[in-house]
Amino acid sequence: MPFIETVPEHQAAGTTAEMYATEREVYGYVPNFTRAFSHRPAVYAAWRRLNRAIKSSMDVRRYELATIAAARRLRSSYCTLAHGSVLIDKFLDAESVKAVVADHCNAGLSTTDIAVIDLADKVAGDASSIQASDIERLRSVGLSDEEILDVVLAAAARCFFAKILDALGVQADAKYGDLDPDIRDVLTVGRAIAQA
């Protein structure tokens, strides 16, 4: 249960009811992260637009790697579980994702992927410590300035979303408890998964 009362689905009205209905269509249920915004559906809608805008110009695999790096640094179980699951479903096998979360430098990734993860991790951990040399490193592996900005945007946006969820005590949806225990335990980097 989150630390604040959220609007129950059967009591939702107006834009909150519309938000819940849309999420039910997309996910088949109303995720806990959506419920966290039940008192401010306009903020959630703005988040969705921002996130879509960031992803629209970015390679999806790179977006997921930058996002999981930031989520890991932030100790956001919800985001690490969600984006780790996307990586497993679309880009990497479970063992590779476990390796990325445990030690990305020794996970068999390309130098470009490692540089992306390092920058995203630094954005989430201490953006003020980033130096020109950190940016130059991404240029040296072939990223354009636009692509570097995409990595920073993905990581910074994850800070916004993950911090809201963790500050409100929002737990990852119970469905993540059904993941293979090996991957579930590696991806649970902070708060526990909600019970069914």
N, C-alpha and C. Protein backbone atom coordinates (compact mmCIF):
# COMPACT_ATOMS: atom_id res chain seq x y z
N MET A 1 0.84 -1.19 0.00
CA MET A 1 0.00 0.00 0.00
C MET A 1 0.88 1.25 0.00
N PRO A 2 0.53 2.22 -0.84
CA PRO A 2 1.30 3.47 -0.82
C PRO A 2 1.05 4.24 0.48
N PHE A 3 1.86 5.23 0.71
CA PHE A 3 1.77 6.02 1.93
C PHE A 3 0.63 7.02 1.90
N ILE A 4 0.05 7.27 0.71
CA ILE A 4 -1.10 8.16 0.61
C ILE A 4 -2.29 7.36 0.11
N GLU A 5 -3.47 7.85 0.41
CA GLU A 5 -4.70 7.23 -0.10
C GLU A 5 -4.81 7.56 -1.59
N THR A 6 -5.02 6.57 -2.40
CA THR A 6 -5.24 6.80 -3.82
C THR A 6 -6.73 6.60 -4.12
N VAL A 7 -7.15 7.07 -5.26
CA VAL A 7 -8.57 6.96 -5.63
C VAL A 7 -8.84 5.54 -6.08
N PRO A 8 -9.74 4.82 -5.39
CA PRO A 8 -10.08 3.47 -5.84
C PRO A 8 -10.74 3.52 -7.22
N GLU A 9 -10.53 2.47 -7.98
CA GLU A 9 -11.04 2.46 -9.35
C GLU A 9 -12.56 2.64 -9.38
N HIS A 10 -13.28 2.03 -8.45
CA HIS A 10 -14.75 2.13 -8.46
C HIS A 10 -15.25 3.51 -8.05
N GLN A 11 -14.37 4.36 -7.50
CA GLN A 11 -14.77 5.71 -7.11
C GLN A 11 -14.22 6.78 -8.06
N ALA A 12 -13.45 6.36 -9.04
CA ALA A 12 -12.81 7.31 -9.95
C ALA A 12 -13.85 7.99 -10.82
N ALA A 13 -13.63 9.28 -11.04
CA ALA A 13 -14.52 10.07 -11.90
C ALA A 13 -13.66 10.98 -12.78
N GLY A 14 -14.28 11.52 -13.82
CA GLY A 14 -13.61 12.51 -14.66
C GLY A 14 -12.32 12.00 -15.27
N THR A 15 -11.28 12.84 -15.22
CA THR A 15 -10.02 12.48 -15.86
C THR A 15 -9.32 11.32 -15.17
N THR A 16 -9.57 11.14 -13.88
CA THR A 16 -8.98 9.98 -13.19
C THR A 16 -9.60 8.69 -13.73
N ALA A 17 -10.91 8.68 -13.91
CA ALA A 17 -11.58 7.50 -14.47
C ALA A 17 -11.09 7.24 -15.89
N GLU A 18 -10.91 8.29 -16.67
CA GLU A 18 -10.40 8.13 -18.04
C GLU A 18 -8.98 7.57 -18.02
N MET A 19 -8.14 8.07 -17.11
CA MET A 19 -6.77 7.57 -16.98
C MET A 19 -6.78 6.09 -16.64
N TYR A 20 -7.60 5.71 -15.67
CA TYR A 20 -7.68 4.31 -15.28
C TYR A 20 -8.16 3.43 -16.44
N ALA A 21 -9.17 3.92 -17.17
CA ALA A 21 -9.71 3.14 -18.29
C ALA A 21 -8.65 2.93 -19.37
N THR A 22 -7.89 3.96 -19.65
CA THR A 22 -6.82 3.85 -20.66
C THR A 22 -5.77 2.84 -20.21
N GLU A 23 -5.37 2.92 -18.96
CA GLU A 23 -4.35 2.00 -18.45
C GLU A 23 -4.85 0.56 -18.46
N ARG A 24 -6.13 0.37 -18.14
CA ARG A 24 -6.70 -0.98 -18.17
C ARG A 24 -6.67 -1.54 -19.59
N GLU A 25 -6.92 -0.67 -20.58
CA GLU A 25 -6.84 -1.11 -21.98
C GLU A 25 -5.41 -1.49 -22.36
N VAL A 26 -4.45 -0.70 -21.92
CA VAL A 26 -3.05 -0.92 -22.28
C VAL A 26 -2.46 -2.13 -21.56
N TYR A 27 -2.68 -2.21 -20.25
CA TYR A 27 -2.01 -3.22 -19.43
C TYR A 27 -2.90 -4.40 -19.03
N GLY A 28 -4.21 -4.23 -19.15
CA GLY A 28 -5.12 -5.27 -18.69
C GLY A 28 -5.49 -5.12 -17.22
N TYR A 29 -4.93 -4.14 -16.57
CA TYR A 29 -5.19 -3.80 -15.17
C TYR A 29 -4.69 -2.37 -14.96
N VAL A 30 -4.96 -1.80 -13.78
CA VAL A 30 -4.47 -0.46 -13.47
C VAL A 30 -3.22 -0.61 -12.62
N PRO A 31 -2.04 -0.28 -13.18
CA PRO A 31 -0.80 -0.45 -12.42
C PRO A 31 -0.74 0.44 -11.18
N ASN A 32 0.03 0.00 -10.22
CA ASN A 32 0.22 0.78 -8.99
C ASN A 32 0.80 2.16 -9.30
N PHE A 33 1.69 2.25 -10.29
CA PHE A 33 2.28 3.55 -10.59
C PHE A 33 1.24 4.53 -11.10
N THR A 34 0.23 4.05 -11.81
CA THR A 34 -0.84 4.93 -12.28
C THR A 34 -1.69 5.41 -11.12
N ARG A 35 -2.00 4.50 -10.22
CA ARG A 35 -2.81 4.86 -9.04
C ARG A 35 -2.14 5.96 -8.23
N ALA A 36 -0.80 5.98 -8.23
CA ALA A 36 -0.08 7.00 -7.47
C ALA A 36 -0.42 8.41 -7.94
N PHE A 37 -0.81 8.53 -9.20
CA PHE A 37 -1.15 9.85 -9.76
C PHE A 37 -2.65 10.11 -9.78
N SER A 38 -3.42 9.31 -9.06
CA SER A 38 -4.88 9.41 -9.15
C SER A 38 -5.43 10.76 -8.73
N HIS A 39 -4.71 11.49 -7.88
CA HIS A 39 -5.17 12.83 -7.48
C HIS A 39 -4.68 13.91 -8.45
N ARG A 40 -3.75 13.55 -9.33
CA ARG A 40 -3.19 14.51 -10.29
C ARG A 40 -3.04 13.87 -11.67
N PRO A 41 -4.16 13.48 -12.29
CA PRO A 41 -4.06 12.83 -13.60
C PRO A 41 -3.42 13.71 -14.67
N ALA A 42 -3.51 15.02 -14.55
CA ALA A 42 -2.86 15.90 -15.54
C ALA A 42 -1.35 15.75 -15.48
N VAL A 43 -0.81 15.55 -14.29
CA VAL A 43 0.64 15.35 -14.15
C VAL A 43 1.04 14.03 -14.81
N TYR A 44 0.24 12.99 -14.58
CA TYR A 44 0.53 11.70 -15.21
C TYR A 44 0.47 11.82 -16.73
N ALA A 45 -0.53 12.54 -17.24
CA ALA A 45 -0.64 12.73 -18.69
C ALA A 45 0.58 13.48 -19.22
N ALA A 46 1.05 14.47 -18.48
CA ALA A 46 2.24 15.22 -18.90
C ALA A 46 3.47 14.32 -18.88
N TRP A 47 3.57 13.45 -17.86
CA TRP A 47 4.68 12.49 -17.80
C TRP A 47 4.66 11.58 -19.03
N ARG A 48 3.49 11.06 -19.37
CA ARG A 48 3.38 10.16 -20.51
C ARG A 48 3.83 10.87 -21.81
N ARG A 49 3.41 12.13 -21.96
CA ARG A 49 3.81 12.89 -23.16
C ARG A 49 5.33 13.10 -23.17
N LEU A 50 5.89 13.48 -22.03
CA LEU A 50 7.33 13.69 -21.94
C LEU A 50 8.08 12.40 -22.27
N ASN A 51 7.67 11.31 -21.68
CA ASN A 51 8.35 10.04 -21.89
C ASN A 51 8.26 9.60 -23.36
N ARG A 52 7.09 9.77 -23.96
CA ARG A 52 6.92 9.44 -25.39
C ARG A 52 7.84 10.31 -26.25
N ALA A 53 7.95 11.59 -25.91
CA ALA A 53 8.80 12.50 -26.69
C ALA A 53 10.27 12.07 -26.59
N ILE A 54 10.70 11.66 -25.42
CA ILE A 54 12.09 11.21 -25.23
C ILE A 54 12.32 9.94 -26.04
N LYS A 55 11.42 8.99 -25.92
CA LYS A 55 11.58 7.69 -26.60
C LYS A 55 11.47 7.82 -28.12
N SER A 56 10.73 8.81 -28.60
CA SER A 56 10.44 8.90 -30.04
C SER A 56 11.68 9.10 -30.89
N SER A 57 12.70 9.71 -30.34
CA SER A 57 13.91 9.96 -31.13
C SER A 57 15.07 9.07 -30.72
N MET A 58 14.79 8.06 -29.91
CA MET A 58 15.86 7.26 -29.32
C MET A 58 15.70 5.79 -29.69
N ASP A 59 16.81 5.14 -29.94
CA ASP A 59 16.81 3.70 -30.14
C ASP A 59 16.19 3.05 -28.89
N VAL A 60 15.23 2.17 -29.07
CA VAL A 60 14.49 1.62 -27.93
C VAL A 60 15.40 0.82 -27.00
N ARG A 61 16.28 0.03 -27.55
CA ARG A 61 17.20 -0.75 -26.71
C ARG A 61 18.08 0.17 -25.87
N ARG A 62 18.58 1.24 -26.49
CA ARG A 62 19.41 2.20 -25.76
C ARG A 62 18.60 2.87 -24.66
N TYR A 63 17.35 3.22 -24.98
CA TYR A 63 16.47 3.82 -23.97
C TYR A 63 16.33 2.88 -22.77
N GLU A 64 16.10 1.61 -23.03
CA GLU A 64 15.91 0.65 -21.93
C GLU A 64 17.20 0.48 -21.12
N LEU A 65 18.35 0.45 -21.78
CA LEU A 65 19.61 0.33 -21.05
C LEU A 65 19.87 1.57 -20.18
N ALA A 66 19.63 2.76 -20.74
CA ALA A 66 19.81 3.98 -19.95
C ALA A 66 18.83 4.04 -18.78
N THR A 67 17.61 3.60 -19.03
CA THR A 67 16.58 3.63 -17.99
C THR A 67 16.90 2.66 -16.87
N ILE A 68 17.31 1.44 -17.21
CA ILE A 68 17.61 0.47 -16.16
C ILE A 68 18.85 0.90 -15.37
N ALA A 69 19.78 1.56 -16.04
CA ALA A 69 20.96 2.06 -15.33
C ALA A 69 20.57 3.11 -14.30
N ALA A 70 19.71 4.05 -14.72
CA ALA A 70 19.26 5.08 -13.79
C ALA A 70 18.42 4.47 -12.66
N ALA A 71 17.54 3.55 -13.01
CA ALA A 71 16.69 2.91 -12.00
C ALA A 71 17.52 2.13 -10.98
N ARG A 72 18.53 1.44 -11.45
CA ARG A 72 19.42 0.70 -10.55
C ARG A 72 20.11 1.66 -9.59
N ARG A 73 20.64 2.75 -10.11
CA ARG A 73 21.32 3.75 -9.27
C ARG A 73 20.36 4.33 -8.23
N LEU A 74 19.12 4.55 -8.63
CA LEU A 74 18.10 5.13 -7.74
C LEU A 74 17.51 4.11 -6.77
N ARG A 75 17.86 2.84 -6.95
CA ARG A 75 17.32 1.74 -6.17
C ARG A 75 15.80 1.66 -6.30
N SER A 76 15.34 1.86 -7.51
CA SER A 76 13.91 1.78 -7.81
C SER A 76 13.58 0.38 -8.31
N SER A 77 13.07 -0.45 -7.40
CA SER A 77 12.69 -1.80 -7.80
C SER A 77 11.64 -1.77 -8.91
N TYR A 78 10.65 -0.91 -8.76
CA TYR A 78 9.56 -0.86 -9.74
C TYR A 78 10.12 -0.64 -11.14
N CYS A 79 10.96 0.39 -11.30
CA CYS A 79 11.48 0.71 -12.63
C CYS A 79 12.49 -0.33 -13.12
N THR A 80 13.29 -0.87 -12.21
CA THR A 80 14.26 -1.89 -12.62
C THR A 80 13.54 -3.15 -13.06
N LEU A 81 12.51 -3.55 -12.32
CA LEU A 81 11.73 -4.73 -12.69
C LEU A 81 11.02 -4.51 -14.04
N ALA A 82 10.40 -3.35 -14.19
CA ALA A 82 9.64 -3.08 -15.42
C ALA A 82 10.55 -3.04 -16.64
N HIS A 83 11.64 -2.31 -16.54
CA HIS A 83 12.50 -2.15 -17.71
C HIS A 83 13.44 -3.34 -17.91
N GLY A 84 13.77 -4.03 -16.84
CA GLY A 84 14.48 -5.29 -16.98
C GLY A 84 13.62 -6.30 -17.72
N SER A 85 12.33 -6.30 -17.43
CA SER A 85 11.41 -7.21 -18.12
C SER A 85 11.31 -6.88 -19.61
N VAL A 86 11.31 -5.58 -19.94
CA VAL A 86 11.28 -5.19 -21.35
C VAL A 86 12.55 -5.66 -22.05
N LEU A 87 13.70 -5.47 -21.40
CA LEU A 87 14.96 -5.93 -22.00
C LEU A 87 14.92 -7.43 -22.27
N ILE A 88 14.37 -8.20 -21.31
CA ILE A 88 14.28 -9.65 -21.49
C ILE A 88 13.31 -10.00 -22.62
N ASP A 89 12.17 -9.32 -22.66
CA ASP A 89 11.16 -9.62 -23.68
C ASP A 89 11.63 -9.28 -25.09
N LYS A 90 12.45 -8.22 -25.23
CA LYS A 90 12.74 -7.71 -26.57
C LYS A 90 14.20 -7.75 -27.01
N PHE A 91 15.14 -7.75 -26.07
CA PHE A 91 16.52 -7.52 -26.50
C PHE A 91 17.57 -8.49 -25.94
N LEU A 92 17.45 -8.91 -24.72
CA LEU A 92 18.48 -9.73 -24.08
C LEU A 92 17.84 -10.92 -23.39
N ASP A 93 18.62 -11.96 -23.14
CA ASP A 93 18.08 -13.05 -22.34
C ASP A 93 18.21 -12.71 -20.86
N ALA A 94 17.56 -13.49 -20.02
CA ALA A 94 17.51 -13.21 -18.58
C ALA A 94 18.90 -13.16 -17.96
N GLU A 95 19.78 -14.07 -18.38
CA GLU A 95 21.14 -14.09 -17.81
C GLU A 95 21.89 -12.81 -18.16
N SER A 96 21.70 -12.32 -19.36
CA SER A 96 22.36 -11.08 -19.77
C SER A 96 21.84 -9.89 -18.97
N VAL A 97 20.54 -9.85 -18.73
CA VAL A 97 19.97 -8.75 -17.94
C VAL A 97 20.48 -8.82 -16.51
N LYS A 98 20.55 -10.01 -15.94
CA LYS A 98 21.12 -10.16 -14.60
C LYS A 98 22.54 -9.62 -14.57
N ALA A 99 23.31 -9.94 -15.59
CA ALA A 99 24.70 -9.48 -15.65
C ALA A 99 24.77 -7.96 -15.78
N VAL A 100 23.89 -7.39 -16.59
CA VAL A 100 23.86 -5.92 -16.76
C VAL A 100 23.60 -5.24 -15.42
N VAL A 101 22.65 -5.75 -14.66
CA VAL A 101 22.30 -5.13 -13.38
C VAL A 101 23.40 -5.36 -12.35
N ALA A 102 24.01 -6.53 -12.36
CA ALA A 102 25.04 -6.85 -11.37
C ALA A 102 26.36 -6.13 -11.66
N ASP A 103 26.79 -6.13 -12.92
CA ASP A 103 28.08 -5.54 -13.29
C ASP A 103 28.12 -5.36 -14.80
N HIS A 104 27.57 -4.24 -15.26
CA HIS A 104 27.42 -4.03 -16.70
C HIS A 104 28.73 -4.03 -17.47
N CYS A 105 29.82 -3.69 -16.81
CA CYS A 105 31.13 -3.67 -17.49
C CYS A 105 31.60 -5.07 -17.87
N ASN A 106 31.08 -6.07 -17.20
CA ASN A 106 31.47 -7.46 -17.47
C ASN A 106 30.28 -8.30 -17.93
N ALA A 107 29.35 -7.66 -18.62
CA ALA A 107 28.14 -8.35 -19.06
C ALA A 107 28.15 -8.67 -20.55
N GLY A 108 29.28 -8.51 -21.20
CA GLY A 108 29.37 -8.81 -22.63
C GLY A 108 28.75 -7.75 -23.52
N LEU A 109 28.57 -6.55 -23.01
CA LEU A 109 28.00 -5.46 -23.79
C LEU A 109 29.07 -4.78 -24.63
N SER A 110 28.64 -4.05 -25.63
CA SER A 110 29.56 -3.28 -26.47
C SER A 110 30.11 -2.09 -25.68
N THR A 111 31.19 -1.52 -26.18
CA THR A 111 31.75 -0.33 -25.51
C THR A 111 30.75 0.82 -25.55
N THR A 112 29.94 0.88 -26.59
CA THR A 112 28.91 1.92 -26.68
C THR A 112 27.86 1.73 -25.58
N ASP A 113 27.37 0.49 -25.43
CA ASP A 113 26.38 0.21 -24.38
C ASP A 113 26.94 0.53 -22.99
N ILE A 114 28.18 0.17 -22.74
CA ILE A 114 28.80 0.43 -21.44
C ILE A 114 28.91 1.93 -21.19
N ALA A 115 29.30 2.68 -22.21
CA ALA A 115 29.40 4.13 -22.07
C ALA A 115 28.04 4.77 -21.81
N VAL A 116 27.01 4.27 -22.49
CA VAL A 116 25.65 4.78 -22.27
C VAL A 116 25.21 4.51 -20.83
N ILE A 117 25.41 3.29 -20.36
CA ILE A 117 25.02 2.93 -19.00
C ILE A 117 25.80 3.75 -17.98
N ASP A 118 27.09 3.93 -18.22
CA ASP A 118 27.90 4.73 -17.29
C ASP A 118 27.38 6.16 -17.19
N LEU A 119 27.04 6.77 -18.33
CA LEU A 119 26.53 8.14 -18.29
C LEU A 119 25.17 8.20 -17.59
N ALA A 120 24.27 7.28 -17.93
CA ALA A 120 22.94 7.28 -17.30
C ALA A 120 23.07 7.09 -15.79
N ASP A 121 23.96 6.21 -15.38
CA ASP A 121 24.20 5.98 -13.96
C ASP A 121 24.69 7.25 -13.28
N LYS A 122 25.58 7.96 -13.94
CA LYS A 122 26.14 9.19 -13.37
C LYS A 122 25.08 10.30 -13.31
N VAL A 123 24.23 10.37 -14.32
CA VAL A 123 23.14 11.35 -14.30
C VAL A 123 22.25 11.11 -13.07
N ALA A 124 21.90 9.86 -12.85
CA ALA A 124 21.00 9.53 -11.73
C ALA A 124 21.70 9.66 -10.38
N GLY A 125 23.00 9.37 -10.34
CA GLY A 125 23.71 9.38 -9.07
C GLY A 125 24.21 10.73 -8.65
N ASP A 126 24.81 11.48 -9.58
CA ASP A 126 25.38 12.80 -9.26
C ASP A 126 25.68 13.52 -10.56
N ALA A 127 24.68 14.13 -11.13
CA ALA A 127 24.84 14.79 -12.43
C ALA A 127 25.87 15.92 -12.37
N SER A 128 26.04 16.52 -11.20
CA SER A 128 27.00 17.63 -11.11
C SER A 128 28.45 17.14 -11.21
N SER A 129 28.66 15.83 -11.11
CA SER A 129 30.02 15.30 -11.23
C SER A 129 30.40 15.00 -12.68
N ILE A 130 29.45 15.13 -13.60
CA ILE A 130 29.73 14.85 -15.01
C ILE A 130 30.66 15.92 -15.56
N GLN A 131 31.68 15.45 -16.27
CA GLN A 131 32.67 16.33 -16.87
C GLN A 131 32.58 16.24 -18.40
N ALA A 132 33.23 17.16 -19.06
CA ALA A 132 33.27 17.13 -20.52
C ALA A 132 33.84 15.81 -21.02
N SER A 133 34.76 15.23 -20.26
CA SER A 133 35.35 13.95 -20.68
C SER A 133 34.32 12.83 -20.70
N ASP A 134 33.32 12.90 -19.83
CA ASP A 134 32.25 11.88 -19.84
C ASP A 134 31.46 11.96 -21.14
N ILE A 135 31.21 13.17 -21.59
CA ILE A 135 30.47 13.37 -22.84
C ILE A 135 31.35 12.98 -24.03
N GLU A 136 32.61 13.36 -23.96
CA GLU A 136 33.54 13.03 -25.05
C GLU A 136 33.66 11.52 -25.22
N ARG A 137 33.58 10.79 -24.12
CA ARG A 137 33.65 9.33 -24.19
C ARG A 137 32.53 8.78 -25.08
N LEU A 138 31.31 9.33 -24.97
CA LEU A 138 30.21 8.87 -25.81
C LEU A 138 30.42 9.28 -27.26
N ARG A 139 30.98 10.46 -27.47
CA ARG A 139 31.30 10.86 -28.85
C ARG A 139 32.31 9.89 -29.45
N SER A 140 33.29 9.47 -28.62
CA SER A 140 34.36 8.61 -29.13
C SER A 140 33.87 7.23 -29.54
N VAL A 141 32.70 6.82 -29.03
CA VAL A 141 32.13 5.52 -29.43
C VAL A 141 31.03 5.69 -30.47
N GLY A 142 30.91 6.92 -31.01
CA GLY A 142 30.04 7.12 -32.16
C GLY A 142 28.71 7.81 -31.92
N LEU A 143 28.43 8.24 -30.70
CA LEU A 143 27.16 8.91 -30.47
C LEU A 143 27.24 10.38 -30.86
N SER A 144 26.19 10.85 -31.49
CA SER A 144 26.09 12.27 -31.83
C SER A 144 25.67 13.04 -30.58
N ASP A 145 25.76 14.35 -30.64
CA ASP A 145 25.32 15.15 -29.50
C ASP A 145 23.83 14.95 -29.23
N GLU A 146 23.04 14.77 -30.29
CA GLU A 146 21.61 14.52 -30.11
C GLU A 146 21.39 13.20 -29.36
N GLU A 147 22.15 12.18 -29.71
CA GLU A 147 22.02 10.88 -29.04
C GLU A 147 22.49 10.94 -27.59
N ILE A 148 23.50 11.73 -27.33
CA ILE A 148 23.97 11.92 -25.95
C ILE A 148 22.88 12.61 -25.13
N LEU A 149 22.28 13.63 -25.72
CA LEU A 149 21.16 14.30 -25.04
C LEU A 149 20.04 13.32 -24.75
N ASP A 150 19.75 12.42 -25.68
CA ASP A 150 18.71 11.41 -25.46
C ASP A 150 19.00 10.56 -24.22
N VAL A 151 20.25 10.16 -24.05
CA VAL A 151 20.64 9.35 -22.89
C VAL A 151 20.41 10.14 -21.61
N VAL A 152 20.83 11.40 -21.62
CA VAL A 152 20.65 12.25 -20.43
C VAL A 152 19.16 12.45 -20.14
N LEU A 153 18.38 12.69 -21.18
CA LEU A 153 16.94 12.88 -20.99
C LEU A 153 16.29 11.62 -20.41
N ALA A 154 16.64 10.46 -20.92
CA ALA A 154 16.06 9.21 -20.42
C ALA A 154 16.40 9.01 -18.95
N ALA A 155 17.66 9.24 -18.58
CA ALA A 155 18.07 9.04 -17.19
C ALA A 155 17.44 10.08 -16.27
N ALA A 156 17.40 11.33 -16.71
CA ALA A 156 16.82 12.38 -15.87
C ALA A 156 15.32 12.19 -15.70
N ALA A 157 14.65 11.77 -16.76
CA ALA A 157 13.20 11.50 -16.65
C ALA A 157 12.95 10.35 -15.68
N ARG A 158 13.82 9.35 -15.69
CA ARG A 158 13.65 8.22 -14.77
C ARG A 158 13.78 8.70 -13.33
N CYS A 159 14.65 9.68 -13.09
CA CYS A 159 14.79 10.24 -11.73
C CYS A 159 13.45 10.82 -11.28
N PHE A 160 12.80 11.59 -12.14
CA PHE A 160 11.51 12.18 -11.83
C PHE A 160 10.50 11.09 -11.44
N PHE A 161 10.35 10.11 -12.29
CA PHE A 161 9.30 9.11 -12.09
C PHE A 161 9.61 8.20 -10.90
N ALA A 162 10.82 7.69 -10.84
CA ALA A 162 11.19 6.76 -9.76
C ALA A 162 11.12 7.42 -8.39
N LYS A 163 11.55 8.67 -8.32
CA LYS A 163 11.54 9.37 -7.03
C LYS A 163 10.11 9.59 -6.54
N ILE A 164 9.20 9.86 -7.45
CA ILE A 164 7.79 10.02 -7.05
C ILE A 164 7.28 8.70 -6.48
N LEU A 165 7.49 7.61 -7.19
CA LEU A 165 6.98 6.33 -6.74
C LEU A 165 7.58 5.93 -5.39
N ASP A 166 8.88 6.05 -5.25
CA ASP A 166 9.50 5.65 -3.99
C ASP A 166 9.14 6.58 -2.84
N ALA A 167 9.02 7.88 -3.11
CA ALA A 167 8.64 8.82 -2.05
C ALA A 167 7.24 8.54 -1.53
N LEU A 168 6.39 7.98 -2.38
CA LEU A 168 5.02 7.66 -1.97
C LEU A 168 4.87 6.21 -1.51
N GLY A 169 5.96 5.45 -1.50
CA GLY A 169 5.90 4.06 -1.05
C GLY A 169 5.21 3.13 -2.01
N VAL A 170 5.19 3.47 -3.29
CA VAL A 170 4.51 2.65 -4.30
C VAL A 170 5.37 1.42 -4.61
N GLN A 171 4.76 0.27 -4.48
CA GLN A 171 5.47 -1.00 -4.75
C GLN A 171 5.17 -1.48 -6.16
N ALA A 172 6.13 -2.18 -6.72
CA ALA A 172 5.94 -2.79 -8.04
C ALA A 172 4.75 -3.74 -8.01
N ASP A 173 4.04 -3.81 -9.11
CA ASP A 173 2.85 -4.65 -9.20
C ASP A 173 3.16 -6.10 -8.86
N ALA A 174 2.19 -6.76 -8.25
CA ALA A 174 2.36 -8.15 -7.80
C ALA A 174 2.77 -9.08 -8.93
N LYS A 175 2.45 -8.75 -10.17
CA LYS A 175 2.80 -9.62 -11.30
C LYS A 175 4.30 -9.87 -11.38
N TYR A 176 5.10 -8.93 -10.90
CA TYR A 176 6.55 -9.12 -10.93
C TYR A 176 7.02 -10.20 -9.96
N GLY A 177 6.18 -10.53 -9.00
CA GLY A 177 6.49 -11.63 -8.10
C GLY A 177 6.50 -12.97 -8.81
N ASP A 178 5.89 -13.03 -10.00
CA ASP A 178 5.84 -14.27 -10.76
C ASP A 178 7.08 -14.49 -11.64
N LEU A 179 7.97 -13.50 -11.67
CA LEU A 179 9.20 -13.68 -12.44
C LEU A 179 10.03 -14.81 -11.84
N ASP A 180 10.88 -15.39 -12.67
CA ASP A 180 11.82 -16.39 -12.17
C ASP A 180 12.56 -15.78 -10.98
N PRO A 181 12.64 -16.49 -9.85
CA PRO A 181 13.24 -15.91 -8.64
C PRO A 181 14.65 -15.36 -8.85
N ASP A 182 15.44 -15.99 -9.71
CA ASP A 182 16.81 -15.50 -9.94
C ASP A 182 16.80 -14.09 -10.51
N ILE A 183 15.98 -13.85 -11.52
CA ILE A 183 15.94 -12.52 -12.13
C ILE A 183 15.17 -11.55 -11.25
N ARG A 184 14.09 -12.03 -10.63
CA ARG A 184 13.29 -11.17 -9.75
C ARG A 184 14.15 -10.60 -8.62
N ASP A 185 14.97 -11.44 -8.01
CA ASP A 185 15.78 -11.00 -6.87
C ASP A 185 16.85 -10.00 -7.30
N VAL A 186 17.41 -10.18 -8.48
CA VAL A 186 18.43 -9.25 -8.97
C VAL A 186 17.81 -7.90 -9.31
N LEU A 187 16.60 -7.92 -9.86
CA LEU A 187 15.94 -6.68 -10.26
C LEU A 187 15.25 -5.96 -9.10
N THR A 188 15.08 -6.61 -7.99
CA THR A 188 14.47 -5.96 -6.82
C THR A 188 15.60 -5.28 -6.05
N VAL A 189 15.84 -4.02 -6.42
CA VAL A 189 16.99 -3.28 -5.90
C VAL A 189 16.63 -2.33 -4.76
N GLY A 190 15.36 -2.23 -4.44
CA GLY A 190 14.90 -1.30 -3.40
C GLY A 190 13.67 -1.88 -2.71
N ARG A 191 12.54 -1.19 -2.85
CA ARG A 191 11.30 -1.65 -2.22
C ARG A 191 10.88 -3.02 -2.69
N ALA A 192 10.22 -3.75 -1.80
CA ALA A 192 9.71 -5.07 -2.13
C ALA A 192 8.55 -4.96 -3.13
N ILE A 193 8.30 -6.04 -3.80
CA ILE A 193 7.18 -6.16 -4.73
C ILE A 193 5.89 -6.27 -3.93
N ALA A 194 4.81 -5.67 -4.42
CA ALA A 194 3.52 -5.75 -3.75
C ALA A 194 3.03 -7.21 -3.71
N GLN A 195 2.32 -7.52 -2.67
CA GLN A 195 1.69 -8.84 -2.55
C GLN A 195 0.39 -8.84 -3.33
N ALA A 196 0.01 -9.97 -3.86
CA ALA A 196 -1.23 -10.08 -4.64
C ALA A 196 -2.45 -9.81 -3.76
